[in-house]
Amino acid sequence: MFENRTVTWERRIFRAIMLLLINLIIWVILPLVILDSISGLLSSSSLTINTTFIYALGFVITGLQVIGALTEGMVASVPSMTGSHIASAYYVYAAVNGGTLALSTAGIGVSLDLRPLLYLMVLPFLFSAIRTPLAYLADEHEAARAAPDLV
């Protein structure tokens, strides 16, 4: 069912284009829309998220994902994919101010402790950051093969 396909440059470029579009939507466009829609509530909150933060980390995550797709199957893909997972975890962590939200509007203040939910949101990214190099080594790539003189 899942045969081992060879990685061609056409596949790498197609995947890089798709990841570019998907990541721009997820990490840049949607957060900007959400930030614009709740900007009135955030005027007195403790959140440090702003458009510069969204653009900077969104483009870092997207760039690392695209580099990882262009170097799929090569050693260079491992640090870029691992870095993108770590940057994604930091993005989520920083976007919700470490899991503590404090909003105040019209004299009413609300403080929410979302740390357990935050940990559940960040856990897949951190798991993927660990899994990526291990999967590369276990998948019989050049770094996992024994040297020819040892065989």
Protein backbone atom coordinates (compact mmCIF):
# COMPACT_ATOMS: atom_id res chain seq x y z
CA MET A 1 0.00 0.00 0.00
CA PHE A 2 2.74 2.47 0.97
CA GLU A 3 5.49 1.57 -1.45
CA ASN A 4 8.83 3.24 -1.09
CA ARG A 5 8.85 5.94 -3.76
CA THR A 6 12.04 7.51 -4.92
CA VAL A 7 12.43 11.15 -4.05
CA THR A 8 12.69 13.18 -7.24
CA TRP A 9 13.27 16.88 -7.64
CA GLU A 10 9.76 17.28 -9.06
CA ARG A 11 8.32 15.77 -5.88
CA ARG A 12 10.56 17.95 -3.69
CA ILE A 13 9.56 21.14 -5.51
CA PHE A 14 5.86 20.26 -5.45
CA ARG A 15 6.02 19.47 -1.75
CA ALA A 16 7.95 22.69 -1.04
CA ILE A 17 5.31 24.76 -2.86
CA MET A 18 2.49 23.04 -0.97
CA LEU A 19 4.25 23.51 2.37
CA LEU A 20 4.89 27.16 1.54
CA LEU A 21 1.21 27.81 0.90
CA ILE A 22 -0.08 25.78 3.86
CA ASN A 23 2.42 27.23 6.33
CA LEU A 24 1.78 30.80 5.21
CA ILE A 25 -1.93 30.27 5.80
CA ILE A 26 -1.49 28.56 9.19
CA TRP A 27 1.35 30.60 10.68
CA VAL A 28 0.89 34.05 9.11
CA ILE A 29 -2.50 34.73 7.52
CA LEU A 30 -4.81 33.09 10.11
CA PRO A 31 -3.00 34.60 13.13
CA LEU A 32 -3.14 38.05 11.52
CA VAL A 33 -6.88 37.68 10.91
CA ILE A 34 -7.43 36.51 14.49
CA LEU A 35 -5.26 39.32 15.86
CA ASP A 36 -7.19 41.91 13.86
CA SER A 37 -10.55 40.54 15.02
CA ILE A 38 -9.66 40.54 18.73
CA SER A 39 -7.44 43.62 18.78
CA GLY A 40 -9.96 45.50 20.93
CA LEU A 41 -9.71 42.90 23.68
CA LEU A 42 -5.93 42.78 23.56
CA SER A 43 -5.39 46.46 24.30
CA SER A 44 -5.16 45.74 28.01
CA SER A 45 -3.96 42.15 27.98
CA SER A 46 -0.61 40.68 28.90
CA LEU A 47 -0.06 39.10 25.47
CA THR A 48 3.12 40.07 23.69
CA ILE A 49 1.92 38.94 20.27
CA ASN A 50 1.94 41.54 17.52
CA THR A 51 2.26 41.61 13.76
CA THR A 52 6.08 41.64 13.90
CA PHE A 53 6.06 38.48 16.02
CA ILE A 54 3.63 36.78 13.64
CA TYR A 55 5.61 37.71 10.53
CA ALA A 56 9.02 36.85 12.01
CA LEU A 57 8.22 33.43 13.42
CA GLY A 58 5.75 32.60 10.64
CA PHE A 59 8.39 33.17 8.00
CA VAL A 60 11.05 31.30 9.99
CA ILE A 61 8.78 28.25 10.35
CA THR A 62 7.74 28.42 6.69
CA GLY A 63 11.32 28.84 5.48
CA LEU A 64 12.58 25.91 7.51
CA GLN A 65 9.73 23.71 6.28
CA VAL A 66 10.43 24.64 2.64
CA ILE A 67 14.16 23.97 3.04
CA GLY A 68 13.30 20.64 4.65
CA ALA A 69 11.06 19.73 1.72
CA LEU A 70 13.69 20.72 -0.86
CA THR A 71 16.30 18.59 0.90
CA GLU A 72 14.00 15.64 1.62
CA GLY A 73 15.97 12.42 2.09
CA MET A 74 19.24 14.29 2.61
CA VAL A 75 21.12 14.99 5.82
CA ALA A 76 20.37 18.72 5.49
CA SER A 77 16.65 18.12 5.93
CA VAL A 78 17.03 16.87 9.51
CA PRO A 79 18.15 20.13 11.20
CA SER A 80 15.73 22.26 9.19
CA MET A 81 12.74 20.06 10.00
CA THR A 82 13.77 19.76 13.66
CA GLY A 83 14.23 23.53 13.83
CA SER A 84 10.82 24.15 12.31
CA HIS A 85 9.19 21.91 14.95
CA ILE A 86 10.99 23.72 17.76
CA ALA A 87 10.07 27.11 16.29
CA SER A 88 6.44 25.98 16.00
CA ALA A 89 6.42 24.96 19.67
CA TYR A 90 7.87 28.33 20.66
CA TYR A 91 5.34 30.16 18.46
CA VAL A 92 2.41 28.48 20.20
CA TYR A 93 3.98 28.95 23.64
CA ALA A 94 4.71 32.64 23.12
CA ALA A 95 1.38 33.35 21.40
CA VAL A 96 -0.52 32.48 24.56
CA ASN A 97 2.02 34.04 26.91
CA GLY A 98 3.15 30.78 28.46
CA GLY A 99 -0.40 29.61 29.13
CA THR A 100 -1.57 32.55 31.22
CA LEU A 101 -4.13 34.84 29.63
CA ALA A 102 -5.21 38.02 31.41
CA LEU A 103 -7.84 40.12 29.66
CA SER A 104 -9.65 43.16 31.02
CA THR A 105 -12.45 45.06 29.38
CA ALA A 106 -14.75 47.74 30.85
CA GLY A 107 -13.39 47.26 34.36
CA ILE A 108 -13.84 43.48 34.32
CA GLY A 109 -10.68 41.41 34.46
CA VAL A 110 -10.37 37.75 33.57
CA SER A 111 -7.31 35.62 34.12
CA LEU A 112 -7.15 32.15 32.61
CA ASP A 113 -4.54 29.51 33.34
CA LEU A 114 -4.25 27.46 30.15
CA ARG A 115 -0.96 25.71 30.89
CA PRO A 116 -2.30 22.12 30.77
CA LEU A 117 -3.92 22.86 27.40
CA LEU A 118 -0.77 24.61 26.24
CA TYR A 119 1.36 21.59 27.08
CA LEU A 120 -0.98 19.39 25.05
CA MET A 121 -0.72 21.81 22.13
CA VAL A 122 3.10 21.99 22.24
CA LEU A 123 3.71 18.29 22.87
CA PRO A 124 3.23 17.13 19.22
CA PHE A 125 5.76 19.68 17.97
CA LEU A 126 8.36 18.64 20.53
CA PHE A 127 7.70 14.96 19.87
CA SER A 128 8.23 15.58 16.14
CA ALA A 129 11.47 17.44 16.88
CA ILE A 130 12.77 14.30 18.58
CA ARG A 131 11.25 11.87 16.08
CA THR A 132 12.67 13.52 12.96
CA PRO A 133 16.37 12.70 13.49
CA LEU A 134 15.56 9.28 14.90
CA ALA A 135 13.34 8.43 11.93
CA TYR A 136 16.05 9.59 9.55
CA LEU A 137 18.61 7.31 11.15
CA ALA A 138 16.24 4.36 11.34
CA ASP A 139 15.11 4.74 7.72
CA GLU A 140 18.42 3.43 6.35
CA HIS A 141 19.65 6.71 4.94
CA GLU A 142 23.31 7.30 4.33
CA ALA A 143 23.95 8.35 7.94
CA ALA A 144 22.44 5.09 9.24
CA ARG A 145 24.35 2.75 6.90
CA ALA A 146 27.59 1.21 7.96
CA ALA A 147 30.72 2.41 6.22
CA PRO A 148 31.69 0.25 3.20
CA ASP A 149 35.01 -0.78 4.71
CA LEU A 150 33.28 -2.14 7.81
CA VAL A 151 30.90 -4.44 5.92
